[in-house]
Amino acid sequence: MIKVVAVHTAMALVEPLTKIFKEELPEVKLNHIADDTLIQEVIANNEVTPAVRRRLLSYYLTAADSGADVIFNCCSSVGDIADLGNSISPIPVFRIDYPMAVEAVSMAKRIGVISTLPTTLDPTRRLLEHAAKDAGKDVVLVDGLADGAFAAGQSGDGATHDRLIAEAAARIADEVDMFVLAQGSMARMEQRLAELTGKPVLSSPVSGVKGLRKFLADKL
């Protein structure tokens, strides 16, 4: 049986991702490593600190030592560290948002990047730019920061979380052809934003697992 270890910097996706794996990859053994102090430190410092980098890389190595075949990196704020992890880990590190980025650049040139954390914008932009370069395309990226939405979601205020995301999308809707949701925890807004803006919206959890399924079929 193929073993995947999902590495999280927050708790929000542990339960939803377990459900998605059961639906999309029931033949895979899924385990989780979750450390929510990582995202807390990133937020407090407005960047991925050396300490966060070291701890995250150590989790990748721990996953490999546990017998995993693939590491599934679940946090877009640390996406650059996931790329670095591929250079030191004996097993692949697969980014949850990679399939979303590939699909987005295949669909549109002007892409709105909606995020609830400023620290997620740059890593997501770089991922989209790399995907576009690989596809031989040019893209225009427009940032839509839903300031305060992450804190609202963490405090259990889902209504404020969703409202701030909708407002961020509305502010840039006229400038873009589609949206990507930079964090997996925003996936529940995918359909609502599409209805509100009349434009395509992509999120990462389901597409990431489906992309992992194809990766496993091709590589393992």
N, C-alpha and C. Protein backbone atom coordinates (compact mmCIF):
# COMPACT_ATOMS: atom_id res chain seq x y z
N MET A 1 0.84 -1.20 0.00
CA MET A 1 0.00 0.00 0.00
C MET A 1 0.88 1.25 0.00
N ILE A 2 0.54 2.21 -0.87
CA ILE A 2 1.25 3.48 -0.91
C ILE A 2 0.93 4.29 0.33
N LYS A 3 1.95 4.90 0.92
CA LYS A 3 1.77 5.70 2.13
C LYS A 3 2.10 7.16 1.83
N VAL A 4 1.17 8.04 2.19
CA VAL A 4 1.34 9.48 2.03
C VAL A 4 1.29 10.13 3.41
N VAL A 5 2.21 11.02 3.67
CA VAL A 5 2.17 11.82 4.89
C VAL A 5 1.88 13.27 4.51
N ALA A 6 0.76 13.77 5.00
CA ALA A 6 0.39 15.17 4.78
C ALA A 6 1.00 16.01 5.90
N VAL A 7 1.71 17.06 5.52
CA VAL A 7 2.36 17.94 6.49
C VAL A 7 1.61 19.26 6.51
N HIS A 8 1.13 19.64 7.69
CA HIS A 8 0.28 20.82 7.87
C HIS A 8 0.96 21.82 8.80
N THR A 9 0.72 23.11 8.55
CA THR A 9 1.16 24.16 9.48
C THR A 9 -0.02 24.71 10.28
N ALA A 10 -1.19 24.15 10.09
CA ALA A 10 -2.39 24.52 10.84
C ALA A 10 -3.30 23.29 10.85
N MET A 11 -4.35 23.35 11.65
CA MET A 11 -5.21 22.17 11.82
C MET A 11 -6.39 22.14 10.86
N ALA A 12 -6.66 23.25 10.18
CA ALA A 12 -7.93 23.41 9.46
C ALA A 12 -8.17 22.34 8.41
N LEU A 13 -7.12 21.85 7.75
CA LEU A 13 -7.31 20.92 6.64
C LEU A 13 -7.19 19.45 7.02
N VAL A 14 -6.84 19.14 8.25
CA VAL A 14 -6.61 17.74 8.62
C VAL A 14 -7.87 16.90 8.37
N GLU A 15 -8.98 17.32 8.93
CA GLU A 15 -10.22 16.55 8.77
C GLU A 15 -10.76 16.59 7.34
N PRO A 16 -10.87 17.77 6.70
CA PRO A 16 -11.37 17.78 5.32
C PRO A 16 -10.50 16.97 4.37
N LEU A 17 -9.19 17.04 4.55
CA LEU A 17 -8.29 16.32 3.65
C LEU A 17 -8.42 14.81 3.83
N THR A 18 -8.61 14.38 5.06
CA THR A 18 -8.83 12.96 5.31
C THR A 18 -10.04 12.46 4.54
N LYS A 19 -11.09 13.26 4.53
CA LYS A 19 -12.31 12.90 3.80
C LYS A 19 -12.06 12.87 2.30
N ILE A 20 -11.34 13.85 1.78
CA ILE A 20 -11.07 13.89 0.34
C ILE A 20 -10.24 12.68 -0.08
N PHE A 21 -9.25 12.32 0.72
CA PHE A 21 -8.43 11.15 0.39
C PHE A 21 -9.29 9.88 0.36
N LYS A 22 -10.22 9.75 1.29
CA LYS A 22 -11.08 8.57 1.31
C LYS A 22 -11.93 8.48 0.05
N GLU A 23 -12.29 9.65 -0.49
CA GLU A 23 -13.12 9.67 -1.70
C GLU A 23 -12.29 9.50 -2.97
N GLU A 24 -11.13 10.13 -3.02
CA GLU A 24 -10.35 10.18 -4.25
C GLU A 24 -9.20 9.18 -4.30
N LEU A 25 -8.65 8.83 -3.14
CA LEU A 25 -7.51 7.90 -3.09
C LEU A 25 -7.70 6.90 -1.95
N PRO A 26 -8.77 6.12 -1.98
CA PRO A 26 -9.05 5.22 -0.86
C PRO A 26 -8.00 4.13 -0.69
N GLU A 27 -7.24 3.87 -1.73
CA GLU A 27 -6.23 2.81 -1.66
C GLU A 27 -4.94 3.27 -1.00
N VAL A 28 -4.84 4.55 -0.69
CA VAL A 28 -3.62 5.11 -0.10
C VAL A 28 -3.75 5.20 1.41
N LYS A 29 -2.68 4.88 2.12
CA LYS A 29 -2.62 5.06 3.56
C LYS A 29 -2.17 6.49 3.84
N LEU A 30 -3.03 7.26 4.51
CA LEU A 30 -2.74 8.67 4.79
C LEU A 30 -2.46 8.87 6.27
N ASN A 31 -1.35 9.53 6.55
CA ASN A 31 -1.04 9.99 7.90
C ASN A 31 -0.78 11.49 7.87
N HIS A 32 -0.87 12.12 9.04
CA HIS A 32 -0.70 13.56 9.12
C HIS A 32 0.39 13.93 10.12
N ILE A 33 1.13 14.98 9.78
CA ILE A 33 1.99 15.69 10.72
C ILE A 33 1.48 17.12 10.74
N ALA A 34 1.00 17.59 11.89
CA ALA A 34 0.42 18.93 11.98
C ALA A 34 1.06 19.69 13.13
N ASP A 35 1.56 20.88 12.83
CA ASP A 35 2.18 21.74 13.84
C ASP A 35 1.71 23.16 13.60
N ASP A 36 0.70 23.61 14.36
CA ASP A 36 0.15 24.93 14.10
C ASP A 36 1.00 26.06 14.66
N THR A 37 2.09 25.74 15.36
CA THR A 37 3.01 26.80 15.75
C THR A 37 3.77 27.34 14.54
N LEU A 38 3.83 26.57 13.48
CA LEU A 38 4.54 27.01 12.28
C LEU A 38 3.86 28.22 11.66
N ILE A 39 2.56 28.12 11.39
CA ILE A 39 1.87 29.25 10.76
C ILE A 39 1.79 30.42 11.71
N GLN A 40 1.71 30.15 13.01
CA GLN A 40 1.69 31.25 13.98
C GLN A 40 2.98 32.05 13.91
N GLU A 41 4.10 31.36 13.77
CA GLU A 41 5.39 32.06 13.69
C GLU A 41 5.53 32.80 12.37
N VAL A 42 5.03 32.21 11.29
CA VAL A 42 5.07 32.88 9.99
C VAL A 42 4.26 34.18 10.05
N ILE A 43 3.07 34.11 10.64
CA ILE A 43 2.22 35.30 10.75
C ILE A 43 2.87 36.36 11.62
N ALA A 44 3.42 35.95 12.76
CA ALA A 44 4.02 36.89 13.69
C ALA A 44 5.20 37.64 13.08
N ASN A 45 5.93 36.96 12.20
CA ASN A 45 7.13 37.56 11.61
C ASN A 45 6.92 38.04 10.17
N ASN A 46 5.71 37.77 9.64
CA ASN A 46 5.38 38.16 8.27
C ASN A 46 6.33 37.54 7.25
N GLU A 47 6.86 36.39 7.60
CA GLU A 47 7.75 35.67 6.68
C GLU A 47 8.02 34.28 7.24
N VAL A 48 8.54 33.43 6.38
CA VAL A 48 8.99 32.11 6.83
C VAL A 48 10.36 32.28 7.47
N THR A 49 10.43 32.07 8.77
CA THR A 49 11.69 32.28 9.50
C THR A 49 12.62 31.08 9.31
N PRO A 50 13.91 31.25 9.59
CA PRO A 50 14.83 30.11 9.54
C PRO A 50 14.38 28.97 10.45
N ALA A 51 13.80 29.29 11.61
CA ALA A 51 13.35 28.24 12.52
C ALA A 51 12.19 27.44 11.92
N VAL A 52 11.27 28.13 11.27
CA VAL A 52 10.17 27.44 10.59
C VAL A 52 10.72 26.56 9.48
N ARG A 53 11.67 27.09 8.73
CA ARG A 53 12.27 26.32 7.65
C ARG A 53 12.91 25.03 8.19
N ARG A 54 13.67 25.16 9.27
CA ARG A 54 14.34 23.98 9.83
C ARG A 54 13.32 22.95 10.33
N ARG A 55 12.29 23.41 11.02
CA ARG A 55 11.31 22.47 11.57
C ARG A 55 10.54 21.77 10.45
N LEU A 56 10.18 22.54 9.44
CA LEU A 56 9.42 21.95 8.34
C LEU A 56 10.26 20.90 7.60
N LEU A 57 11.50 21.24 7.33
CA LEU A 57 12.37 20.27 6.66
C LEU A 57 12.57 19.03 7.52
N SER A 58 12.62 19.21 8.84
CA SER A 58 12.76 18.04 9.72
C SER A 58 11.52 17.17 9.66
N TYR A 59 10.34 17.78 9.49
CA TYR A 59 9.12 16.99 9.37
C TYR A 59 9.12 16.19 8.07
N TYR A 60 9.64 16.78 7.01
CA TYR A 60 9.74 16.02 5.75
C TYR A 60 10.62 14.79 5.94
N LEU A 61 11.75 14.97 6.61
CA LEU A 61 12.65 13.84 6.84
C LEU A 61 12.02 12.82 7.77
N THR A 62 11.26 13.29 8.76
CA THR A 62 10.55 12.37 9.66
C THR A 62 9.54 11.54 8.87
N ALA A 63 8.83 12.20 7.95
CA ALA A 63 7.86 11.48 7.12
C ALA A 63 8.55 10.41 6.28
N ALA A 64 9.70 10.77 5.72
CA ALA A 64 10.44 9.79 4.93
C ALA A 64 10.90 8.63 5.80
N ASP A 65 11.39 8.94 7.00
CA ASP A 65 11.85 7.89 7.92
C ASP A 65 10.71 6.98 8.37
N SER A 66 9.48 7.50 8.34
CA SER A 66 8.33 6.69 8.76
C SER A 66 7.89 5.68 7.70
N GLY A 67 8.52 5.75 6.53
CA GLY A 67 8.18 4.82 5.46
C GLY A 67 7.25 5.38 4.42
N ALA A 68 7.03 6.69 4.43
CA ALA A 68 6.14 7.31 3.44
C ALA A 68 6.75 7.22 2.05
N ASP A 69 5.89 7.18 1.06
CA ASP A 69 6.31 7.22 -0.34
C ASP A 69 6.31 8.65 -0.89
N VAL A 70 5.40 9.48 -0.37
CA VAL A 70 5.28 10.86 -0.82
C VAL A 70 4.88 11.74 0.37
N ILE A 71 5.41 12.96 0.38
CA ILE A 71 4.99 13.99 1.34
C ILE A 71 4.02 14.91 0.62
N PHE A 72 2.90 15.19 1.25
CA PHE A 72 1.88 16.07 0.68
C PHE A 72 1.90 17.37 1.48
N ASN A 73 2.53 18.41 0.92
CA ASN A 73 2.64 19.68 1.63
C ASN A 73 1.35 20.48 1.52
N CYS A 74 0.76 20.82 2.65
CA CYS A 74 -0.60 21.36 2.67
C CYS A 74 -0.69 22.86 2.91
N CYS A 75 0.43 23.55 3.05
CA CYS A 75 0.39 24.98 3.36
C CYS A 75 1.07 25.78 2.25
N SER A 76 0.31 26.67 1.63
CA SER A 76 0.87 27.48 0.55
C SER A 76 1.84 28.54 1.03
N SER A 77 1.71 28.98 2.28
CA SER A 77 2.64 29.98 2.80
C SER A 77 4.07 29.47 2.85
N VAL A 78 4.22 28.16 2.96
CA VAL A 78 5.56 27.56 3.02
C VAL A 78 5.87 26.78 1.74
N GLY A 79 5.20 27.17 0.66
CA GLY A 79 5.40 26.46 -0.60
C GLY A 79 6.84 26.45 -1.08
N ASP A 80 7.53 27.57 -0.85
CA ASP A 80 8.94 27.62 -1.28
C ASP A 80 9.78 26.60 -0.52
N ILE A 81 9.44 26.35 0.75
CA ILE A 81 10.17 25.35 1.53
C ILE A 81 9.86 23.95 1.02
N ALA A 82 8.65 23.74 0.55
CA ALA A 82 8.32 22.45 -0.06
C ALA A 82 9.19 22.20 -1.28
N ASP A 83 9.41 23.25 -2.07
CA ASP A 83 10.30 23.10 -3.23
C ASP A 83 11.72 22.79 -2.78
N LEU A 84 12.18 23.46 -1.73
CA LEU A 84 13.50 23.17 -1.17
C LEU A 84 13.55 21.74 -0.65
N GLY A 85 12.45 21.29 -0.04
CA GLY A 85 12.39 19.94 0.50
C GLY A 85 12.64 18.88 -0.55
N ASN A 86 12.24 19.16 -1.77
CA ASN A 86 12.47 18.19 -2.84
C ASN A 86 13.94 17.98 -3.13
N SER A 87 14.78 18.94 -2.74
CA SER A 87 16.21 18.80 -2.99
C SER A 87 16.93 18.05 -1.89
N ILE A 88 16.27 17.89 -0.72
CA ILE A 88 16.95 17.20 0.39
C ILE A 88 16.23 15.94 0.84
N SER A 89 14.96 15.81 0.50
CA SER A 89 14.19 14.66 0.96
C SER A 89 14.42 13.45 0.03
N PRO A 90 14.53 12.27 0.60
CA PRO A 90 14.69 11.07 -0.24
C PRO A 90 13.40 10.66 -0.95
N ILE A 91 12.29 11.29 -0.60
CA ILE A 91 11.02 11.01 -1.27
C ILE A 91 10.43 12.33 -1.77
N PRO A 92 9.53 12.27 -2.77
CA PRO A 92 8.99 13.51 -3.34
C PRO A 92 8.15 14.30 -2.34
N VAL A 93 8.23 15.64 -2.47
CA VAL A 93 7.35 16.55 -1.74
C VAL A 93 6.40 17.15 -2.77
N PHE A 94 5.12 16.85 -2.63
CA PHE A 94 4.11 17.28 -3.59
C PHE A 94 3.30 18.42 -2.99
N ARG A 95 3.25 19.55 -3.69
CA ARG A 95 2.52 20.72 -3.19
C ARG A 95 1.03 20.61 -3.50
N ILE A 96 0.21 20.83 -2.49
CA ILE A 96 -1.24 20.74 -2.65
C ILE A 96 -1.76 21.71 -3.70
N ASP A 97 -1.07 22.86 -3.86
CA ASP A 97 -1.57 23.89 -4.77
C ASP A 97 -0.99 23.81 -6.18
N TYR A 98 -0.10 22.87 -6.43
CA TYR A 98 0.52 22.78 -7.75
C TYR A 98 -0.48 22.47 -8.86
N PRO A 99 -1.35 21.46 -8.71
CA PRO A 99 -2.32 21.21 -9.79
C PRO A 99 -3.24 22.40 -10.05
N MET A 100 -3.62 23.11 -9.00
CA MET A 100 -4.45 24.30 -9.17
C MET A 100 -3.74 25.34 -10.03
N ALA A 101 -2.46 25.55 -9.78
CA ALA A 101 -1.69 26.53 -10.54
C ALA A 101 -1.59 26.14 -12.00
N VAL A 102 -1.34 24.88 -12.26
CA VAL A 102 -1.24 24.40 -13.64
C VAL A 102 -2.56 24.60 -14.38
N GLU A 103 -3.66 24.28 -13.70
CA GLU A 103 -4.97 24.45 -14.32
C GLU A 103 -5.28 25.92 -14.55
N ALA A 104 -4.93 26.77 -13.60
CA ALA A 104 -5.23 28.19 -13.72
C ALA A 104 -4.54 28.82 -14.93
N VAL A 105 -3.26 28.54 -15.11
CA VAL A 105 -2.55 29.18 -16.23
C VAL A 105 -3.00 28.61 -17.57
N SER A 106 -3.62 27.43 -17.54
CA SER A 106 -4.15 26.88 -18.79
C SER A 106 -5.49 27.52 -19.16
N MET A 107 -6.13 28.17 -18.19
CA MET A 107 -7.46 28.71 -18.39
C MET A 107 -7.49 30.19 -18.71
N ALA A 108 -6.56 30.96 -18.16
CA ALA A 108 -6.69 32.41 -18.26
C ALA A 108 -5.33 33.09 -18.17
N LYS A 109 -5.29 34.33 -18.65
CA LYS A 109 -4.07 35.13 -18.57
C LYS A 109 -4.10 36.04 -17.35
N ARG A 110 -5.25 36.61 -17.05
CA ARG A 110 -5.36 37.54 -15.92
C ARG A 110 -6.00 36.80 -14.74
N ILE A 111 -5.21 36.55 -13.72
CA ILE A 111 -5.63 35.70 -12.61
C ILE A 111 -5.61 36.49 -11.31
N GLY A 112 -6.72 36.45 -10.59
CA GLY A 112 -6.79 37.07 -9.28
C GLY A 112 -6.37 36.07 -8.21
N VAL A 113 -5.44 36.47 -7.36
CA VAL A 113 -4.94 35.60 -6.30
C VAL A 113 -5.56 36.08 -4.98
N ILE A 114 -6.51 35.32 -4.46
CA ILE A 114 -7.20 35.69 -3.23
C ILE A 114 -6.56 34.95 -2.06
N SER A 115 -6.22 35.70 -1.02
CA SER A 115 -5.57 35.10 0.14
C SER A 115 -6.07 35.76 1.41
N THR A 116 -6.08 35.01 2.51
CA THR A 116 -6.43 35.58 3.80
C THR A 116 -5.18 35.94 4.60
N LEU A 117 -4.01 35.63 4.08
CA LEU A 117 -2.75 35.96 4.74
C LEU A 117 -1.79 36.60 3.73
N PRO A 118 -1.16 37.70 4.08
CA PRO A 118 -0.20 38.31 3.15
C PRO A 118 0.98 37.39 2.85
N THR A 119 1.34 36.54 3.80
CA THR A 119 2.48 35.65 3.61
C THR A 119 2.22 34.58 2.56
N THR A 120 0.97 34.40 2.16
CA THR A 120 0.65 33.38 1.16
C THR A 120 0.67 33.94 -0.25
N LEU A 121 0.58 35.24 -0.39
CA LEU A 121 0.48 35.83 -1.72
C LEU A 121 1.73 35.59 -2.56
N ASP A 122 2.91 35.92 -2.04
CA ASP A 122 4.13 35.78 -2.84
C ASP A 122 4.43 34.34 -3.23
N PRO A 123 4.35 33.36 -2.30
CA PRO A 123 4.59 31.98 -2.72
C PRO A 123 3.61 31.50 -3.79
N THR A 124 2.36 31.92 -3.69
CA THR A 124 1.36 31.51 -4.68
C THR A 124 1.63 32.19 -6.02
N ARG A 125 2.01 33.45 -5.97
CA ARG A 125 2.36 34.15 -7.21
C ARG A 125 3.55 33.46 -7.89
N ARG A 126 4.57 33.10 -7.11
CA ARG A 126 5.73 32.45 -7.71
C ARG A 126 5.35 31.11 -8.32
N LEU A 127 4.48 30.38 -7.65
CA LEU A 127 4.04 29.08 -8.17
C LEU A 127 3.31 29.27 -9.50
N LEU A 128 2.42 30.25 -9.57
CA LEU A 128 1.70 30.52 -10.82
C LEU A 128 2.65 30.97 -11.92
N GLU A 129 3.61 31.79 -11.57
CA GLU A 129 4.59 32.25 -12.57
C GLU A 129 5.42 31.09 -13.10
N HIS A 130 5.82 30.18 -12.21
CA HIS A 130 6.59 29.01 -12.64
C HIS A 130 5.74 28.10 -13.53
N ALA A 131 4.47 27.92 -13.15
CA ALA A 131 3.58 27.08 -13.96
C ALA A 131 3.37 27.70 -15.33
N ALA A 132 3.24 29.02 -15.38
CA ALA A 132 3.07 29.70 -16.66
C ALA A 132 4.32 29.57 -17.52
N LYS A 133 5.48 29.73 -16.89
CA LYS A 133 6.73 29.60 -17.63
C LYS A 133 6.88 28.20 -18.21
N ASP A 134 6.55 27.20 -17.40
CA ASP A 134 6.63 25.81 -17.88
C ASP A 134 5.68 25.56 -19.04
N ALA A 135 4.54 26.28 -19.04
CA ALA A 135 3.55 26.11 -20.10
C ALA A 135 3.81 27.03 -21.29
N GLY A 136 4.84 27.87 -21.19
CA GLY A 136 5.15 28.79 -22.27
C GLY A 136 4.12 29.90 -22.40
N LYS A 137 3.57 30.34 -21.27
CA LYS A 137 2.53 31.37 -21.30
C LYS A 137 2.92 32.57 -20.43
N ASP A 138 2.28 33.69 -20.73
CA ASP A 138 2.43 34.89 -19.90
C ASP A 138 1.16 35.07 -19.08
N VAL A 139 1.32 35.45 -17.82
CA VAL A 139 0.15 35.69 -16.98
C VAL A 139 0.28 37.04 -16.29
N VAL A 140 -0.86 37.63 -15.99
CA VAL A 140 -0.93 38.85 -15.19
C VAL A 140 -1.63 38.46 -13.89
N LEU A 141 -0.95 38.70 -12.77
CA LEU A 141 -1.48 38.30 -11.47
C LEU A 141 -1.90 39.54 -10.68
N VAL A 142 -3.10 39.48 -10.13
CA VAL A 142 -3.65 40.60 -9.35
C VAL A 142 -3.94 40.10 -7.94
N ASP A 143 -3.35 40.76 -6.95
CA ASP A 143 -3.51 40.34 -5.56
C ASP A 143 -4.86 40.79 -4.99
N GLY A 144 -5.49 39.89 -4.24
CA GLY A 144 -6.70 40.22 -3.51
C GLY A 144 -6.59 39.73 -2.08
N LEU A 145 -6.07 40.56 -1.19
CA LEU A 145 -5.86 40.17 0.20
C LEU A 145 -7.13 40.42 1.01
N ALA A 146 -7.65 39.36 1.59
CA ALA A 146 -8.81 39.47 2.49
C ALA A 146 -8.28 39.68 3.90
N ASP A 147 -7.86 40.89 4.17
CA ASP A 147 -7.21 41.20 5.45
C ASP A 147 -8.18 40.95 6.61
N GLY A 148 -7.73 40.20 7.59
CA GLY A 148 -8.54 39.90 8.76
C GLY A 148 -9.34 38.61 8.65
N ALA A 149 -9.41 38.04 7.46
CA ALA A 149 -10.23 36.84 7.27
C ALA A 149 -9.63 35.63 7.98
N PHE A 150 -8.31 35.51 7.96
CA PHE A 150 -7.70 34.36 8.61
C PHE A 150 -7.98 34.37 10.11
N ALA A 151 -7.80 35.53 10.73
CA ALA A 151 -8.05 35.64 12.17
C ALA A 151 -9.51 35.34 12.48
N ALA A 152 -10.41 35.81 11.62
CA ALA A 152 -11.83 35.54 11.84
C ALA A 152 -12.12 34.05 11.77
N GLY A 153 -11.55 33.40 10.80
CA GLY A 153 -11.75 31.96 10.67
C GLY A 153 -11.19 31.19 11.85
N GLN A 154 -10.00 31.61 12.32
CA GLN A 154 -9.38 30.95 13.46
C GLN A 154 -10.20 31.11 14.73
N SER A 155 -10.92 32.22 14.83
CA SER A 155 -11.72 32.49 16.02
C SER A 155 -13.11 31.87 15.94
N GLY A 156 -13.41 31.22 14.81
CA GLY A 156 -14.71 30.59 14.64
C GLY A 156 -15.77 31.47 14.01
N ASP A 157 -15.38 32.67 13.57
CA ASP A 157 -16.32 33.59 12.93
C ASP A 157 -16.32 33.34 11.42
N GLY A 158 -16.98 32.28 11.02
CA GLY A 158 -17.00 31.91 9.61
C GLY A 158 -17.68 32.93 8.73
N ALA A 159 -18.69 33.60 9.25
CA ALA A 159 -19.42 34.59 8.45
C ALA A 159 -18.51 35.76 8.06
N THR A 160 -17.72 36.24 9.02
CA THR A 160 -16.80 37.34 8.72
C THR A 160 -15.69 36.87 7.78
N HIS A 161 -15.18 35.69 8.02
CA HIS A 161 -14.17 35.09 7.14
C HIS A 161 -14.66 35.09 5.70
N ASP A 162 -15.87 34.60 5.48
CA ASP A 162 -16.40 34.48 4.13
C ASP A 162 -16.70 35.85 3.52
N ARG A 163 -17.22 36.76 4.34
CA ARG A 163 -17.56 38.09 3.83
C ARG A 163 -16.30 38.83 3.37
N LEU A 164 -15.23 38.76 4.13
CA LEU A 164 -14.00 39.45 3.77
C LEU A 164 -13.39 38.88 2.49
N ILE A 165 -13.49 37.58 2.31
CA ILE A 165 -13.01 36.96 1.06
C ILE A 165 -13.83 37.44 -0.12
N ALA A 166 -15.15 37.47 0.05
CA ALA A 166 -16.03 37.94 -1.03
C ALA A 166 -15.73 39.39 -1.39
N GLU A 167 -15.49 40.22 -0.38
CA GLU A 167 -15.18 41.63 -0.64
C GLU A 167 -13.85 41.78 -1.37
N ALA A 168 -12.86 40.97 -0.99
CA ALA A 168 -11.56 41.03 -1.66
C ALA A 168 -11.68 40.65 -3.13
N ALA A 169 -12.48 39.63 -3.41
CA ALA A 169 -12.68 39.22 -4.80
C ALA A 169 -13.43 40.29 -5.59
N ALA A 170 -14.43 40.89 -4.96
CA ALA A 170 -15.22 41.91 -5.65
C ALA A 170 -14.36 43.11 -6.03
N ARG A 171 -13.38 43.45 -5.19
CA ARG A 171 -12.54 44.63 -5.45
C ARG A 171 -11.72 44.49 -6.72
N ILE A 172 -11.35 43.26 -7.08
CA ILE A 172 -10.48 43.09 -8.25
C ILE A 172 -11.17 42.35 -9.39
N ALA A 173 -12.46 42.07 -9.24
CA ALA A 173 -13.17 41.24 -10.22
C ALA A 173 -13.08 41.81 -11.64
N ASP A 174 -13.12 43.13 -11.77
CA ASP A 174 -13.09 43.74 -13.11
C ASP A 174 -11.72 43.66 -13.75
N GLU A 175 -10.70 43.31 -12.97
CA GLU A 175 -9.33 43.28 -13.49
C GLU A 175 -8.88 41.89 -13.92
N VAL A 176 -9.68 40.87 -13.62
CA VAL A 176 -9.21 39.50 -13.84
C VAL A 176 -10.24 38.68 -14.61
N ASP A 177 -9.77 37.54 -15.13
CA ASP A 177 -10.64 36.61 -15.85
C ASP A 177 -11.06 35.44 -14.98
N MET A 178 -10.31 35.20 -13.91
CA MET A 178 -10.61 34.08 -13.01
C MET A 178 -9.89 34.32 -11.68
N PHE A 179 -10.20 33.46 -10.70
CA PHE A 179 -9.58 33.56 -9.38
C PHE A 179 -8.98 32.22 -8.97
N VAL A 180 -7.91 32.31 -8.18
CA VAL A 180 -7.43 31.15 -7.43
C VAL A 180 -7.48 31.50 -5.95
N LEU A 181 -7.83 30.52 -5.13
CA LEU A 181 -7.86 30.69 -3.68
C LEU A 181 -6.55 30.14 -3.13
N ALA A 182 -5.74 31.02 -2.58
CA ALA A 182 -4.35 30.67 -2.26
C ALA A 182 -4.21 29.66 -1.14
N GLN A 183 -5.21 29.57 -0.26
CA GLN A 183 -5.12 28.63 0.87
C GLN A 183 -6.22 27.58 0.78
N GLY A 184 -5.87 26.37 1.15
CA GLY A 184 -6.85 25.29 1.11
C GLY A 184 -8.04 25.53 2.01
N SER A 185 -7.84 26.27 3.11
CA SER A 185 -8.92 26.54 4.04
C SER A 185 -10.00 27.44 3.45
N MET A 186 -9.73 28.02 2.28
CA MET A 186 -10.70 28.91 1.63
C MET A 186 -11.59 28.16 0.65
N ALA A 187 -11.41 26.87 0.51
CA ALA A 187 -12.08 26.12 -0.56
C ALA A 187 -13.60 26.22 -0.51
N ARG A 188 -14.14 26.39 0.68
CA ARG A 188 -15.61 26.45 0.80
C ARG A 188 -16.20 27.66 0.09
N MET A 189 -15.34 28.64 -0.26
CA MET A 189 -15.81 29.84 -0.96
C MET A 189 -15.74 29.71 -2.48
N GLU A 190 -15.28 28.57 -2.97
CA GLU A 190 -15.08 28.42 -4.41
C GLU A 190 -16.38 28.65 -5.19
N GLN A 191 -17.42 27.93 -4.85
CA GLN A 191 -18.68 28.05 -5.58
C GLN A 191 -19.33 29.42 -5.36
N ARG A 192 -19.28 29.90 -4.13
CA ARG A 192 -19.92 31.18 -3.83
C ARG A 192 -19.28 32.32 -4.60
N LEU A 193 -17.95 32.35 -4.67
CA LEU A 193 -17.28 33.41 -5.42
C LEU A 193 -17.59 33.32 -6.90
N ALA A 194 -17.67 32.10 -7.41
CA ALA A 194 -18.02 31.93 -8.82
C ALA A 194 -19.41 32.51 -9.09
N GLU A 195 -20.33 32.29 -8.19
CA GLU A 195 -21.68 32.81 -8.35
C GLU A 195 -21.71 34.33 -8.20
N LEU A 196 -20.94 34.87 -7.26
CA LEU A 196 -20.94 36.30 -7.02
C LEU A 196 -20.27 37.09 -8.14
N THR A 197 -19.22 36.53 -8.72
CA THR A 197 -18.43 37.26 -9.71
C THR A 197 -18.72 36.85 -11.15
N GLY A 198 -19.31 35.66 -11.31
CA GLY A 198 -19.55 35.16 -12.65
C GLY A 198 -18.28 34.69 -13.35
N LYS A 199 -17.24 34.43 -12.57
CA LYS A 199 -15.95 34.03 -13.14
C LYS A 199 -15.48 32.72 -12.51
N PRO A 200 -14.66 31.96 -13.24
CA PRO A 200 -14.17 30.69 -12.68
C PRO A 200 -13.33 30.92 -11.42
N VAL A 201 -13.46 29.98 -10.50
CA VAL A 201 -12.69 30.03 -9.25
C VAL A 201 -12.11 28.65 -8.99
N LEU A 202 -10.83 28.59 -8.66
CA LEU A 202 -10.17 27.33 -8.35
C LEU A 202 -9.66 27.33 -6.92
N SER A 203 -9.74 26.18 -6.27
CA SER A 203 -9.15 25.99 -4.94
C SER A 203 -8.29 24.73 -4.97
N SER A 204 -7.54 24.52 -3.90
CA SER A 204 -6.51 23.49 -3.97
C SER A 204 -6.81 22.11 -3.40
N PRO A 205 -7.64 21.93 -2.37
CA PRO A 205 -7.67 20.60 -1.75
C PRO A 205 -8.07 19.45 -2.67
N VAL A 206 -9.22 19.55 -3.32
CA VAL A 206 -9.66 18.44 -4.18
C VAL A 206 -8.76 18.32 -5.39
N SER A 207 -8.44 19.45 -6.03
CA SER A 207 -7.57 19.37 -7.21
C SER A 207 -6.18 18.88 -6.84
N GLY A 208 -5.72 19.23 -5.63
CA GLY A 208 -4.41 18.76 -5.19
C GLY A 208 -4.37 17.25 -5.00
N VAL A 209 -5.42 16.69 -4.42
CA VAL A 209 -5.46 15.24 -4.23
C VAL A 209 -5.61 14.53 -5.57
N LYS A 210 -6.42 15.08 -6.46
CA LYS A 210 -6.54 14.49 -7.79
C LYS A 210 -5.21 14.56 -8.54
N GLY A 211 -4.51 15.68 -8.37
CA GLY A 211 -3.19 15.79 -8.99
C GLY A 211 -2.20 14.80 -8.40
N LEU A 212 -2.29 14.58 -7.10
CA LEU A 212 -1.44 13.59 -6.46
C LEU A 212 -1.75 12.19 -6.98
N ARG A 213 -3.03 11.92 -7.20
CA ARG A 213 -3.42 10.61 -7.74
C ARG A 213 -2.75 10.37 -9.09
N LYS A 214 -2.74 11.38 -9.95
CA LYS A 214 -2.08 11.24 -11.25
C LYS A 214 -0.57 11.11 -11.07
N PHE A 215 -0.01 11.86 -10.14
CA PHE A 215 1.43 11.78 -9.88
C PHE A 215 1.81 10.37 -9.41
N LEU A 216 1.03 9.80 -8.53
CA LEU A 216 1.31 8.47 -8.03
C LEU A 216 1.22 7.44 -9.16
N ALA A 217 0.23 7.61 -10.02
CA ALA A 217 0.07 6.67 -11.13
C ALA A 217 1.24 6.75 -12.11
N ASP A 218 1.77 7.97 -12.28
CA ASP A 218 2.85 8.17 -13.25
C ASP A 218 4.23 7.84 -12.70
N LYS A 219 4.41 8.10 -11.39
CA LYS A 219 5.77 8.07 -10.83
C LYS A 219 6.05 6.84 -9.97
N LEU A 220 5.00 6.25 -9.37
CA LEU A 220 5.26 5.17 -8.41
C LEU A 220 4.72 3.84 -8.91
